[in-house]
Amino acid sequence: MTVIARTTLRMCAPLMAALLMGGMAHADNWRYAMEEGLTDPQGLYATKFKEEIEANSDHTVQIYPVGSLGESADAMEQAQAGLLQFIDQSPGFTGALIPEAEAFLVPYIQPTDPEVVRKFFKESVAINEMFHGIYREQGLELLAVFPEGEQVVTTMEEFRTPEDLEGMKIRTMTSPLLLETYTAFGASPIAMAWGELIGALKTNMVDGQENPAIWIEAYGLDNLTKVMTYTGHGQYTTAVMANADFYDGLSDEDKELVQNASQAAHDYILDVAVELDATGLAKIKETNPDYTIVRLTEEEREAFKERAKAVEEAFVERAGERGAAILEQMKKDLAAAQQ
């Protein structure tokens, strides 16, 4: 090799290295926080999302289960600040930031039949179109909304009418709309953090609570109450979001990666959530055979549906015209999913 050739090679080496580096995919570690454990519905979704990302790229996903980064409000602040790339949070908590999200808490707006539930969450115009711009206003890219199971009410005494609920102290999440719901239903609701619930049931501070069957079984809430009632009023719903600035800064390839991973995890959890719900109920029947399980008839539900109109009014008052439009679209989405 001549002196000129060696000199040219040395001069070109940095440029060649830069070109090679530019052609390589930059691998990042993305942070993902949620409100539940790894074996819970949010954890199963997150794990599937992580698997899809890592199987189809050099990126990695670090999952932070409930409590790892503080309370729900703390995690949301970190997500909005860009310290977290992804966050899973239910409308019961997000509603303070995004009032329109509390539409998922309005009674009798979502289906409970498993086949209808899948169609509703896959095809809903409100979920898949209308909510995106609203979440964007808060610096969040909405990736998925999914159900974790039908909400079921556990109490010490059986009820079949709103009048039967009078005087019953029902624990709810710290959501004004949930307080409105159980007030409308005739009960005396008490907003309380999840960590306080079991102690409150043991000391009779509350008489009951609402949750999907999987949670009722997993935390032994059936052993702390005597009756479980299917009112048919809704699903426990949660939403997965990305920090909008982070998402916008991704390459087109990585945006597609995130969307594909989210879609795969969504399809997966829609099936799994139904299975978990059925498993939770089956375990309760097996381990607590004397436990009373009630399913309100359509006629009995009508009295609660009538009272739910007051909750709709309270929601619209908080969420305004956009909230009203979303609510009406969700009703149309429900009717379409039931066809």
C-alpha atoms as a PDB file:
ATOM      1  CA  MET A   1       0.000   0.000   0.000  1.00  0.00           C
ATOM      2  CA  THR A   2       1.407   3.407  -0.961  1.00  0.00           C
ATOM      3  CA  VAL A   3       1.854   6.299   1.443  1.00  0.00           C
ATOM      4  CA  ILE A   4      -0.925   8.197  -0.358  1.00  0.00           C
ATOM      5  CA  ALA A   5      -3.300   5.233  -0.055  1.00  0.00           C
ATOM      6  CA  ARG A   6      -2.572   4.817   3.670  1.00  0.00           C
ATOM      7  CA  THR A   7      -3.078   8.545   4.237  1.00  0.00           C
ATOM      8  CA  THR A   8      -6.377   8.504   2.332  1.00  0.00           C
ATOM      9  CA  LEU A   9      -7.576   5.490   4.334  1.00  0.00           C
ATOM     10  CA  ARG A  10      -6.743   7.216   7.652  1.00  0.00           C
ATOM     11  CA  MET A  11      -8.591  10.353   6.538  1.00  0.00           C
ATOM     12  CA  CYS A  12     -11.650   8.398   5.439  1.00  0.00           C
ATOM     13  CA  ALA A  13     -11.801   6.137   8.511  1.00  0.00           C
ATOM     14  CA  PRO A  14     -13.801   8.555  10.739  1.00  0.00           C
ATOM     15  CA  LEU A  15     -16.312   9.171   7.957  1.00  0.00           C
ATOM     16  CA  MET A  16     -16.719   5.457   7.312  1.00  0.00           C
ATOM     17  CA  ALA A  17     -17.251   4.818  11.005  1.00  0.00           C
ATOM     18  CA  ALA A  18     -19.867   7.560  11.158  1.00  0.00           C
ATOM     19  CA  LEU A  19     -21.690   6.123   8.174  1.00  0.00           C
ATOM     20  CA  LEU A  20     -21.631   2.663   9.703  1.00  0.00           C
ATOM     21  CA  MET A  21     -22.963   3.963  13.011  1.00  0.00           C
ATOM     22  CA  GLY A  22     -25.659   5.922  11.228  1.00  0.00           C
ATOM     23  CA  GLY A  23     -26.827   2.766   9.508  1.00  0.00           C
ATOM     24  CA  MET A  24     -27.151   0.908  12.802  1.00  0.00           C
ATOM     25  CA  ALA A  25     -30.377   1.042  14.823  1.00  0.00           C
ATOM     26  CA  HIS A  26     -29.967   2.919  18.085  1.00  0.00           C
ATOM     27  CA  ALA A  27     -31.132   0.712  20.955  1.00  0.00           C
ATOM     28  CA  ASP A  28     -32.945   2.372  23.869  1.00  0.00           C
ATOM     29  CA  ASN A  29     -34.335   1.176  27.185  1.00  0.00           C
ATOM     30  CA  TRP A  30     -37.935   2.357  27.476  1.00  0.00           C
ATOM     31  CA  ARG A  31     -39.580   2.787  30.881  1.00  0.00           C
ATOM     32  CA  TYR A  32     -43.172   1.566  31.405  1.00  0.00           C
ATOM     33  CA  ALA A  33     -45.165   2.128  34.631  1.00  0.00           C
ATOM     34  CA  MET A  34     -48.514   0.613  35.630  1.00  0.00           C
ATOM     35  CA  GLU A  35     -50.953   0.335  38.539  1.00  0.00           C
ATOM     36  CA  GLU A  36     -50.887  -3.432  39.009  1.00  0.00           C
ATOM     37  CA  GLY A  37     -48.575  -6.425  39.411  1.00  0.00           C
ATOM     38  CA  LEU A  38     -46.990  -8.458  36.643  1.00  0.00           C
ATOM     39  CA  THR A  39     -49.546 -11.279  36.868  1.00  0.00           C
ATOM     40  CA  ASP A  40     -52.525  -8.883  36.837  1.00  0.00           C
ATOM     41  CA  PRO A  41     -54.249  -7.742  33.592  1.00  0.00           C
ATOM     42  CA  GLN A  42     -52.138  -4.584  33.243  1.00  0.00           C
ATOM     43  CA  GLY A  43     -49.018  -6.634  33.915  1.00  0.00           C
ATOM     44  CA  LEU A  44     -49.966  -9.240  31.323  1.00  0.00           C
ATOM     45  CA  TYR A  45     -50.541  -6.537  28.724  1.00  0.00           C
ATOM     46  CA  ALA A  46     -47.239  -4.845  29.611  1.00  0.00           C
ATOM     47  CA  THR A  47     -45.331  -8.141  29.436  1.00  0.00           C
ATOM     48  CA  LYS A  48     -46.797  -8.950  26.012  1.00  0.00           C
ATOM     49  CA  PHE A  49     -45.971  -5.411  24.826  1.00  0.00           C
ATOM     50  CA  LYS A  50     -42.393  -5.820  26.090  1.00  0.00           C
ATOM     51  CA  GLU A  51     -42.032  -9.201  24.380  1.00  0.00           C
ATOM     52  CA  GLU A  52     -43.207  -7.773  21.052  1.00  0.00           C
ATOM     53  CA  ILE A  53     -40.874  -4.768  21.250  1.00  0.00           C
ATOM     54  CA  GLU A  54     -37.837  -6.830  22.197  1.00  0.00           C
ATOM     55  CA  ALA A  55     -38.541  -9.582  19.656  1.00  0.00           C
ATOM     56  CA  ASN A  56     -38.748  -7.100  16.795  1.00  0.00           C
ATOM     57  CA  SER A  57     -36.046  -4.552  17.683  1.00  0.00           C
ATOM     58  CA  ASP A  58     -32.937  -3.938  19.748  1.00  0.00           C
ATOM     59  CA  HIS A  59     -34.903  -1.782  22.188  1.00  0.00           C
ATOM     60  CA  THR A  60     -35.693  -3.025  25.681  1.00  0.00           C
ATOM     61  CA  VAL A  61     -38.649  -2.242  27.955  1.00  0.00           C
ATOM     62  CA  GLN A  62     -38.301  -1.918  31.732  1.00  0.00           C
ATOM     63  CA  ILE A  63     -41.624  -2.457  33.536  1.00  0.00           C
ATOM     64  CA  TYR A  64     -42.387  -0.763  36.852  1.00  0.00           C
ATOM     65  CA  PRO A  65     -45.254  -2.521  38.697  1.00  0.00           C
ATOM     66  CA  VAL A  66     -47.598  -0.819  41.154  1.00  0.00           C
ATOM     67  CA  GLY A  67     -45.870   1.183  43.880  1.00  0.00           C
ATOM     68  CA  SER A  68     -42.441   1.192  42.208  1.00  0.00           C
ATOM     69  CA  LEU A  69     -42.588   4.890  41.368  1.00  0.00           C
ATOM     70  CA  GLY A  70     -45.003   6.203  43.973  1.00  0.00           C
ATOM     71  CA  GLU A  71     -48.763   6.713  43.690  1.00  0.00           C
ATOM     72  CA  SER A  72     -50.701   6.953  40.407  1.00  0.00           C
ATOM     73  CA  ALA A  73     -50.449  10.752  40.357  1.00  0.00           C
ATOM     74  CA  ASP A  74     -46.658  10.544  40.763  1.00  0.00           C
ATOM     75  CA  ALA A  75     -46.306   8.137  37.853  1.00  0.00           C
ATOM     76  CA  MET A  76     -48.471  10.321  35.615  1.00  0.00           C
ATOM     77  CA  GLU A  77     -46.341  13.375  36.401  1.00  0.00           C
ATOM     78  CA  GLN A  78     -43.253  11.395  35.418  1.00  0.00           C
ATOM     79  CA  ALA A  79     -44.903  10.250  32.189  1.00  0.00           C
ATOM     80  CA  GLN A  80     -45.874  13.808  31.243  1.00  0.00           C
ATOM     81  CA  ALA A  81     -42.371  15.023  32.067  1.00  0.00           C
ATOM     82  CA  GLY A  82     -40.834  12.387  29.788  1.00  0.00           C
ATOM     83  CA  LEU A  83     -39.152  10.429  32.586  1.00  0.00           C
ATOM     84  CA  LEU A  84     -41.383   7.514  31.591  1.00  0.00           C
ATOM     85  CA  GLN A  85     -42.032   6.548  27.989  1.00  0.00           C
ATOM     86  CA  PHE A  86     -45.194   4.522  28.683  1.00  0.00           C
ATOM     87  CA  ILE A  87     -47.849   4.445  31.404  1.00  0.00           C
ATOM     88  CA  ASP A  88     -50.979   2.377  32.078  1.00  0.00           C
ATOM     89  CA  GLN A  89     -53.581   4.134  34.204  1.00  0.00           C
ATOM     90  CA  SER A  90     -57.322   3.693  34.701  1.00  0.00           C
ATOM     91  CA  PRO A  91     -59.827   6.529  34.087  1.00  0.00           C
ATOM     92  CA  GLY A  92     -60.690   6.395  37.786  1.00  0.00           C
ATOM     93  CA  PHE A  93     -57.370   8.162  38.353  1.00  0.00           C
ATOM     94  CA  THR A  94     -56.811   9.826  34.969  1.00  0.00           C
ATOM     95  CA  GLY A  95     -60.200  11.557  35.226  1.00  0.00           C
ATOM     96  CA  ALA A  96     -58.717  14.297  37.411  1.00  0.00           C
ATOM     97  CA  LEU A  97     -56.438  15.186  34.477  1.00  0.00           C
ATOM     98  CA  ILE A  98     -58.764  14.273  31.599  1.00  0.00           C
ATOM     99  CA  PRO A  99     -62.433  14.673  32.662  1.00  0.00           C
ATOM    100  CA  GLU A 100     -63.652  13.131  29.386  1.00  0.00           C
ATOM    101  CA  ALA A 101     -61.947   9.841  30.364  1.00  0.00           C
ATOM    102  CA  GLU A 102     -64.527   9.415  33.111  1.00  0.00           C
ATOM    103  CA  ALA A 103     -66.992   8.445  30.376  1.00  0.00           C
ATOM    104  CA  PHE A 104     -65.723   4.912  31.046  1.00  0.00           C
ATOM    105  CA  LEU A 105     -67.136   5.204  34.568  1.00  0.00           C
ATOM    106  CA  VAL A 106     -70.664   6.190  33.528  1.00  0.00           C
ATOM    107  CA  PRO A 107     -72.948   3.219  34.285  1.00  0.00           C
ATOM    108  CA  TYR A 108     -74.502   1.152  31.506  1.00  0.00           C
ATOM    109  CA  ILE A 109     -72.404   2.660  28.696  1.00  0.00           C
ATOM    110  CA  GLN A 110     -70.189  -0.400  28.227  1.00  0.00           C
ATOM    111  CA  PRO A 111     -71.178  -4.008  27.455  1.00  0.00           C
ATOM    112  CA  THR A 112     -70.706  -6.971  29.781  1.00  0.00           C
ATOM    113  CA  ASP A 113     -71.249  -9.889  27.372  1.00  0.00           C
ATOM    114  CA  PRO A 114     -67.721 -11.170  26.493  1.00  0.00           C
ATOM    115  CA  GLU A 115     -68.248 -11.300  22.718  1.00  0.00           C
ATOM    116  CA  VAL A 116     -69.783  -7.829  22.672  1.00  0.00           C
ATOM    117  CA  VAL A 117     -66.991  -6.499  24.897  1.00  0.00           C
ATOM    118  CA  ARG A 118     -64.321  -7.537  22.369  1.00  0.00           C
ATOM    119  CA  LYS A 119     -66.188  -5.951  19.457  1.00  0.00           C
ATOM    120  CA  PHE A 120     -66.882  -2.768  21.425  1.00  0.00           C
ATOM    121  CA  PHE A 121     -63.257  -2.147  22.389  1.00  0.00           C
ATOM    122  CA  LYS A 122     -61.938  -3.074  18.936  1.00  0.00           C
ATOM    123  CA  GLU A 123     -64.392  -0.996  16.902  1.00  0.00           C
ATOM    124  CA  SER A 124     -65.563   1.872  19.122  1.00  0.00           C
ATOM    125  CA  VAL A 125     -65.318   5.210  17.323  1.00  0.00           C
ATOM    126  CA  ALA A 126     -65.157   7.056  20.630  1.00  0.00           C
ATOM    127  CA  ILE A 127     -62.217   4.977  21.862  1.00  0.00           C
ATOM    128  CA  ASN A 128     -60.265   4.657  18.627  1.00  0.00           C
ATOM    129  CA  GLU A 129     -60.803   8.156  17.223  1.00  0.00           C
ATOM    130  CA  MET A 130     -62.305  10.756  19.550  1.00  0.00           C
ATOM    131  CA  PHE A 131     -60.106  10.249  22.604  1.00  0.00           C
ATOM    132  CA  HIS A 132     -56.732  10.578  20.866  1.00  0.00           C
ATOM    133  CA  GLY A 133     -56.800  14.330  20.418  1.00  0.00           C
ATOM    134  CA  ILE A 134     -58.001  14.849  23.988  1.00  0.00           C
ATOM    135  CA  TYR A 135     -55.147  12.806  25.463  1.00  0.00           C
ATOM    136  CA  ARG A 136     -52.735  14.660  23.183  1.00  0.00           C
ATOM    137  CA  GLU A 137     -53.675  17.926  24.884  1.00  0.00           C
ATOM    138  CA  GLN A 138     -52.099  16.491  28.044  1.00  0.00           C
ATOM    139  CA  GLY A 139     -48.913  15.387  26.282  1.00  0.00           C
ATOM    140  CA  LEU A 140     -50.007  11.766  25.927  1.00  0.00           C
ATOM    141  CA  GLU A 141     -50.323   9.463  22.926  1.00  0.00           C
ATOM    142  CA  LEU A 142     -53.189   7.046  23.567  1.00  0.00           C
ATOM    143  CA  LEU A 143     -52.167   3.541  22.478  1.00  0.00           C
ATOM    144  CA  ALA A 144     -54.872   1.258  23.836  1.00  0.00           C
ATOM    145  CA  VAL A 145     -57.945   1.052  26.047  1.00  0.00           C
ATOM    146  CA  PHE A 146     -58.952  -2.344  27.396  1.00  0.00           C
ATOM    147  CA  PRO A 147     -61.297  -3.907  29.982  1.00  0.00           C
ATOM    148  CA  GLU A 148     -60.060  -5.892  32.970  1.00  0.00           C
ATOM    149  CA  GLY A 149     -63.387  -7.473  33.850  1.00  0.00           C
ATOM    150  CA  GLU A 150     -67.004  -6.721  34.656  1.00  0.00           C
ATOM    151  CA  GLN A 151     -67.511  -4.596  37.755  1.00  0.00           C
ATOM    152  CA  VAL A 152     -69.232  -6.606  40.507  1.00  0.00           C
ATOM    153  CA  VAL A 153     -70.479  -5.288  43.849  1.00  0.00           C
ATOM    154  CA  THR A 154     -69.763  -7.205  47.059  1.00  0.00           C
ATOM    155  CA  THR A 155     -71.825  -6.403  50.159  1.00  0.00           C
ATOM    156  CA  MET A 156     -72.820  -7.844  53.518  1.00  0.00           C
ATOM    157  CA  GLU A 157     -76.508  -7.913  52.591  1.00  0.00           C
ATOM    158  CA  GLU A 158     -78.320  -8.771  49.375  1.00  0.00           C
ATOM    159  CA  PHE A 159     -79.777  -5.932  47.302  1.00  0.00           C
ATOM    160  CA  ARG A 160     -81.965  -5.897  44.233  1.00  0.00           C
ATOM    161  CA  THR A 161     -83.250  -2.321  44.207  1.00  0.00           C
ATOM    162  CA  PRO A 162     -81.752   1.125  44.885  1.00  0.00           C
ATOM    163  CA  GLU A 163     -83.869   1.240  48.029  1.00  0.00           C
ATOM    164  CA  ASP A 164     -82.108  -1.895  49.294  1.00  0.00           C
ATOM    165  CA  LEU A 165     -78.771  -0.041  49.038  1.00  0.00           C
ATOM    166  CA  GLU A 166     -79.839   2.814  51.273  1.00  0.00           C
ATOM    167  CA  GLY A 167     -77.405   3.244  54.151  1.00  0.00           C
ATOM    168  CA  MET A 168     -74.831   0.814  52.745  1.00  0.00           C
ATOM    169  CA  LYS A 169     -71.308   2.253  52.802  1.00  0.00           C
ATOM    170  CA  ILE A 170     -69.710   1.302  49.467  1.00  0.00           C
ATOM    171  CA  ARG A 171     -66.006   1.928  48.861  1.00  0.00           C
ATOM    172  CA  THR A 172     -65.062   3.461  45.512  1.00  0.00           C
ATOM    173  CA  MET A 173     -61.858   4.708  43.918  1.00  0.00           C
ATOM    174  CA  THR A 174     -61.083   8.370  44.507  1.00  0.00           C
ATOM    175  CA  SER A 175     -63.237   9.506  41.587  1.00  0.00           C
ATOM    176  CA  PRO A 176     -66.003  12.102  41.960  1.00  0.00           C
ATOM    177  CA  LEU A 177     -68.027  10.346  39.278  1.00  0.00           C
ATOM    178  CA  LEU A 178     -67.930   7.024  41.131  1.00  0.00           C
ATOM    179  CA  LEU A 179     -69.180   8.803  44.232  1.00  0.00           C
ATOM    180  CA  GLU A 180     -71.978  10.248  42.094  1.00  0.00           C
ATOM    181  CA  THR A 181     -72.759   6.758  40.782  1.00  0.00           C
ATOM    182  CA  TYR A 182     -73.253   5.072  44.121  1.00  0.00           C
ATOM    183  CA  THR A 183     -75.083   8.063  45.531  1.00  0.00           C
ATOM    184  CA  ALA A 184     -77.481   7.798  42.577  1.00  0.00           C
ATOM    185  CA  PHE A 185     -77.762   4.046  43.167  1.00  0.00           C
ATOM    186  CA  GLY A 186     -78.957   4.759  46.711  1.00  0.00           C
ATOM    187  CA  ALA A 187     -75.820   3.866  48.688  1.00  0.00           C
ATOM    188  CA  SER A 188     -73.512   5.953  50.880  1.00  0.00           C
ATOM    189  CA  PRO A 189     -70.207   5.835  48.949  1.00  0.00           C
ATOM    190  CA  ILE A 190     -66.804   6.393  50.531  1.00  0.00           C
ATOM    191  CA  ALA A 191     -63.749   7.206  48.377  1.00  0.00           C
ATOM    192  CA  MET A 192     -60.794   5.192  49.615  1.00  0.00           C
ATOM    193  CA  ALA A 193     -57.363   4.090  48.420  1.00  0.00           C
ATOM    194  CA  TRP A 194     -57.052   0.412  47.486  1.00  0.00           C
ATOM    195  CA  GLY A 195     -54.549  -0.225  50.252  1.00  0.00           C
ATOM    196  CA  GLU A 196     -57.110   0.761  52.889  1.00  0.00           C
ATOM    197  CA  LEU A 197     -59.969  -1.401  51.617  1.00  0.00           C
ATOM    198  CA  ILE A 198     -59.321  -4.734  53.348  1.00  0.00           C
ATOM    199  CA  GLY A 199     -58.845  -3.086  56.714  1.00  0.00           C
ATOM    200  CA  ALA A 200     -61.999  -1.039  56.193  1.00  0.00           C
ATOM    201  CA  LEU A 201     -64.026  -4.187  55.431  1.00  0.00           C
ATOM    202  CA  LYS A 202     -62.635  -5.989  58.465  1.00  0.00           C
ATOM    203  CA  THR A 203     -63.523  -3.103  60.793  1.00  0.00           C
ATOM    204  CA  ASN A 204     -66.920  -2.439  59.187  1.00  0.00           C
ATOM    205  CA  MET A 205     -65.835   1.018  58.111  1.00  0.00           C
ATOM    206  CA  VAL A 206     -67.393   0.081  54.774  1.00  0.00           C
ATOM    207  CA  ASP A 207     -70.072  -2.500  53.945  1.00  0.00           C
ATOM    208  CA  GLY A 208     -68.970  -3.294  50.421  1.00  0.00           C
ATOM    209  CA  GLN A 209     -67.037  -2.355  47.284  1.00  0.00           C
ATOM    210  CA  GLU A 210     -66.898  -2.901  43.506  1.00  0.00           C
ATOM    211  CA  ASN A 211     -64.270  -4.777  41.501  1.00  0.00           C
ATOM    212  CA  PRO A 212     -64.009  -7.505  38.836  1.00  0.00           C
ATOM    213  CA  ALA A 213     -64.305 -11.107  40.044  1.00  0.00           C
ATOM    214  CA  ILE A 214     -60.569 -11.693  39.533  1.00  0.00           C
ATOM    215  CA  TRP A 215     -59.733  -9.063  42.165  1.00  0.00           C
ATOM    216  CA  ILE A 216     -62.469 -10.211  44.517  1.00  0.00           C
ATOM    217  CA  GLU A 217     -61.061 -13.747  44.483  1.00  0.00           C
ATOM    218  CA  ALA A 218     -57.377 -12.813  44.472  1.00  0.00           C
ATOM    219  CA  TYR A 219     -57.635 -10.605  47.549  1.00  0.00           C
ATOM    220  CA  GLY A 220     -60.225 -12.663  49.415  1.00  0.00           C
ATOM    221  CA  LEU A 221     -62.883  -9.961  49.306  1.00  0.00           C
ATOM    222  CA  ASP A 222     -65.521 -12.665  49.105  1.00  0.00           C
ATOM    223  CA  ASN A 223     -64.394 -13.830  52.564  1.00  0.00           C
ATOM    224  CA  LEU A 224     -64.980 -10.334  53.926  1.00  0.00           C
ATOM    225  CA  THR A 225     -68.497  -9.947  52.516  1.00  0.00           C
ATOM    226  CA  LYS A 226     -71.508 -12.221  52.063  1.00  0.00           C
ATOM    227  CA  VAL A 227     -73.013 -11.350  48.678  1.00  0.00           C
ATOM    228  CA  MET A 228     -71.639 -10.636  45.208  1.00  0.00           C
ATOM    229  CA  THR A 229     -74.003  -8.878  42.810  1.00  0.00           C
ATOM    230  CA  TYR A 230     -73.747  -8.536  39.048  1.00  0.00           C
ATOM    231  CA  THR A 231     -75.508  -5.257  38.300  1.00  0.00           C
ATOM    232  CA  GLY A 232     -74.298  -5.169  34.681  1.00  0.00           C
ATOM    233  CA  HIS A 233     -73.282  -1.520  34.966  1.00  0.00           C
ATOM    234  CA  GLY A 234     -69.802  -1.616  33.424  1.00  0.00           C
ATOM    235  CA  GLN A 235     -66.240  -2.796  33.012  1.00  0.00           C
ATOM    236  CA  TYR A 236     -63.112  -1.934  34.958  1.00  0.00           C
ATOM    237  CA  THR A 237     -61.258  -0.158  32.167  1.00  0.00           C
ATOM    238  CA  THR A 238     -57.692   1.037  31.775  1.00  0.00           C
ATOM    239  CA  ALA A 239     -55.662   2.973  29.187  1.00  0.00           C
ATOM    240  CA  VAL A 240     -52.081   2.641  27.916  1.00  0.00           C
ATOM    241  CA  MET A 241     -50.351   5.871  26.890  1.00  0.00           C
ATOM    242  CA  ALA A 242     -46.965   7.060  25.643  1.00  0.00           C
ATOM    243  CA  ASN A 243     -45.331  10.405  26.285  1.00  0.00           C
ATOM    244  CA  ALA A 244     -46.292  12.378  23.161  1.00  0.00           C
ATOM    245  CA  ASP A 245     -42.904  14.097  22.694  1.00  0.00           C
ATOM    246  CA  PHE A 246     -41.140  10.749  22.976  1.00  0.00           C
ATOM    247  CA  TYR A 247     -43.542   9.179  20.480  1.00  0.00           C
ATOM    248  CA  ASP A 248     -43.235  12.056  18.003  1.00  0.00           C
ATOM    249  CA  GLY A 249     -39.445  11.782  18.172  1.00  0.00           C
ATOM    250  CA  LEU A 250     -39.431   8.138  17.117  1.00  0.00           C
ATOM    251  CA  SER A 251     -38.498   7.087  13.612  1.00  0.00           C
ATOM    252  CA  ASP A 252     -41.339   5.880  11.391  1.00  0.00           C
ATOM    253  CA  GLU A 253     -39.994   2.372  11.893  1.00  0.00           C
ATOM    254  CA  ASP A 254     -40.141   2.652  15.684  1.00  0.00           C
ATOM    255  CA  LYS A 255     -43.609   4.233  15.606  1.00  0.00           C
ATOM    256  CA  GLU A 256     -44.793   1.227  13.619  1.00  0.00           C
ATOM    257  CA  LEU A 257     -43.018  -1.040  16.110  1.00  0.00           C
ATOM    258  CA  VAL A 258     -44.854   0.561  19.045  1.00  0.00           C
ATOM    259  CA  GLN A 259     -48.227   0.457  17.286  1.00  0.00           C
ATOM    260  CA  ASN A 260     -47.791  -3.188  16.278  1.00  0.00           C
ATOM    261  CA  ALA A 261     -46.723  -4.174  19.807  1.00  0.00           C
ATOM    262  CA  SER A 262     -49.674  -2.320  21.259  1.00  0.00           C
ATOM    263  CA  GLN A 263     -52.086  -4.010  18.846  1.00  0.00           C
ATOM    264  CA  ALA A 264     -50.690  -7.467  19.597  1.00  0.00           C
ATOM    265  CA  ALA A 265     -50.927  -6.875  23.341  1.00  0.00           C
ATOM    266  CA  HIS A 266     -54.467  -5.504  22.942  1.00  0.00           C
ATOM    267  CA  ASP A 267     -55.661  -8.577  21.025  1.00  0.00           C
ATOM    268  CA  TYR A 268     -54.007 -10.786  23.630  1.00  0.00           C
ATOM    269  CA  ILE A 269     -55.494  -9.061  26.698  1.00  0.00           C
ATOM    270  CA  LEU A 270     -59.024  -8.949  25.282  1.00  0.00           C
ATOM    271  CA  ASP A 271     -59.013 -12.749  25.358  1.00  0.00           C
ATOM    272  CA  VAL A 272     -57.101 -13.116  28.620  1.00  0.00           C
ATOM    273  CA  ALA A 273     -59.277 -10.654  30.569  1.00  0.00           C
ATOM    274  CA  VAL A 274     -62.365 -12.716  29.785  1.00  0.00           C
ATOM    275  CA  GLU A 275     -60.588 -15.893  30.894  1.00  0.00           C
ATOM    276  CA  LEU A 276     -59.374 -14.284  34.131  1.00  0.00           C
ATOM    277  CA  ASP A 277     -62.864 -13.022  34.914  1.00  0.00           C
ATOM    278  CA  ALA A 278     -64.336 -16.501  34.455  1.00  0.00           C
ATOM    279  CA  THR A 279     -61.499 -18.089  36.451  1.00  0.00           C
ATOM    280  CA  GLY A 280     -62.021 -15.678  39.341  1.00  0.00           C
ATOM    281  CA  LEU A 281     -65.727 -16.491  39.539  1.00  0.00           C
ATOM    282  CA  ALA A 282     -65.093 -20.242  39.271  1.00  0.00           C
ATOM    283  CA  LYS A 283     -62.567 -20.118  42.140  1.00  0.00           C
ATOM    284  CA  ILE A 284     -64.997 -18.198  44.355  1.00  0.00           C
ATOM    285  CA  LYS A 285     -67.685 -20.816  43.740  1.00  0.00           C
ATOM    286  CA  GLU A 286     -65.199 -23.587  44.496  1.00  0.00           C
ATOM    287  CA  THR A 287     -63.566 -22.164  47.623  1.00  0.00           C
ATOM    288  CA  ASN A 288     -66.598 -20.341  49.028  1.00  0.00           C
ATOM    289  CA  PRO A 289     -69.635 -22.472  48.068  1.00  0.00           C
ATOM    290  CA  ASP A 290     -71.932 -20.734  50.566  1.00  0.00           C
ATOM    291  CA  TYR A 291     -71.225 -17.310  49.099  1.00  0.00           C
ATOM    292  CA  THR A 292     -74.337 -15.742  47.575  1.00  0.00           C
ATOM    293  CA  ILE A 293     -73.979 -14.723  43.922  1.00  0.00           C
ATOM    294  CA  VAL A 294     -76.755 -12.594  42.457  1.00  0.00           C
ATOM    295  CA  ARG A 295     -77.342 -11.492  38.877  1.00  0.00           C
ATOM    296  CA  LEU A 296     -79.917  -8.752  38.615  1.00  0.00           C
ATOM    297  CA  THR A 297     -82.606  -9.371  36.007  1.00  0.00           C
ATOM    298  CA  GLU A 298     -83.117  -6.900  33.168  1.00  0.00           C
ATOM    299  CA  GLU A 299     -86.212  -5.649  34.967  1.00  0.00           C
ATOM    300  CA  GLU A 300     -84.243  -5.100  38.181  1.00  0.00           C
ATOM    301  CA  ARG A 301     -81.487  -3.301  36.304  1.00  0.00           C
ATOM    302  CA  GLU A 302     -83.960  -0.808  34.843  1.00  0.00           C
ATOM    303  CA  ALA A 303     -84.295   0.974  38.194  1.00  0.00           C
ATOM    304  CA  PHE A 304     -80.515   1.443  38.333  1.00  0.00           C
ATOM    305  CA  LYS A 305     -80.365   2.516  34.672  1.00  0.00           C
ATOM    306  CA  GLU A 306     -82.967   5.171  35.385  1.00  0.00           C
ATOM    307  CA  ARG A 307     -80.892   6.514  38.260  1.00  0.00           C
ATOM    308  CA  ALA A 308     -77.761   6.425  36.119  1.00  0.00           C
ATOM    309  CA  LYS A 309     -79.172   9.348  34.126  1.00  0.00           C
ATOM    310  CA  ALA A 310     -78.170  11.615  37.009  1.00  0.00           C
ATOM    311  CA  VAL A 311     -74.601  10.313  36.686  1.00  0.00           C
ATOM    312  CA  GLU A 312     -74.605  11.143  32.969  1.00  0.00           C
ATOM    313  CA  GLU A 313     -75.662  14.684  33.822  1.00  0.00           C
ATOM    314  CA  ALA A 314     -72.874  14.984  36.391  1.00  0.00           C
ATOM    315  CA  PHE A 315     -70.356  13.714  33.840  1.00  0.00           C
ATOM    316  CA  VAL A 316     -71.451  16.214  31.181  1.00  0.00           C
ATOM    317  CA  GLU A 317     -71.282  19.018  33.716  1.00  0.00           C
ATOM    318  CA  ARG A 318     -67.631  18.109  34.401  1.00  0.00           C
ATOM    319  CA  ALA A 319     -66.558  17.172  30.866  1.00  0.00           C
ATOM    320  CA  GLY A 320     -68.553  19.726  28.860  1.00  0.00           C
ATOM    321  CA  GLU A 321     -69.664  19.486  25.242  1.00  0.00           C
ATOM    322  CA  ARG A 322     -66.823  17.182  24.231  1.00  0.00           C
ATOM    323  CA  GLY A 323     -67.739  14.827  27.052  1.00  0.00           C
ATOM    324  CA  ALA A 324     -71.378  14.872  25.956  1.00  0.00           C
ATOM    325  CA  ALA A 325     -70.360  14.062  22.367  1.00  0.00           C
ATOM    326  CA  ILE A 326     -68.176  11.177  23.526  1.00  0.00           C
ATOM    327  CA  LEU A 327     -70.965   9.807  25.691  1.00  0.00           C
ATOM    328  CA  GLU A 328     -73.413   9.847  22.796  1.00  0.00           C
ATOM    329  CA  GLN A 329     -70.865   8.158  20.532  1.00  0.00           C
ATOM    330  CA  MET A 330     -70.205   5.462  23.125  1.00  0.00           C
ATOM    331  CA  LYS A 331     -73.931   4.741  23.224  1.00  0.00           C
ATOM    332  CA  LYS A 332     -73.882   4.351  19.445  1.00  0.00           C
ATOM    333  CA  ASP A 333     -70.781   2.160  19.689  1.00  0.00           C
ATOM    334  CA  LEU A 334     -72.516  -0.041  22.253  1.00  0.00           C
ATOM    335  CA  ALA A 335     -75.581  -0.437  20.039  1.00  0.00           C
ATOM    336  CA  ALA A 336     -73.374  -1.292  17.038  1.00  0.00           C
ATOM    337  CA  ALA A 337     -71.398  -3.878  19.030  1.00  0.00           C
ATOM    338  CA  GLN A 338     -74.618  -5.553  20.174  1.00  0.00           C
ATOM    339  CA  GLN A 339     -75.854  -6.102  16.601  1.00  0.00           C
END
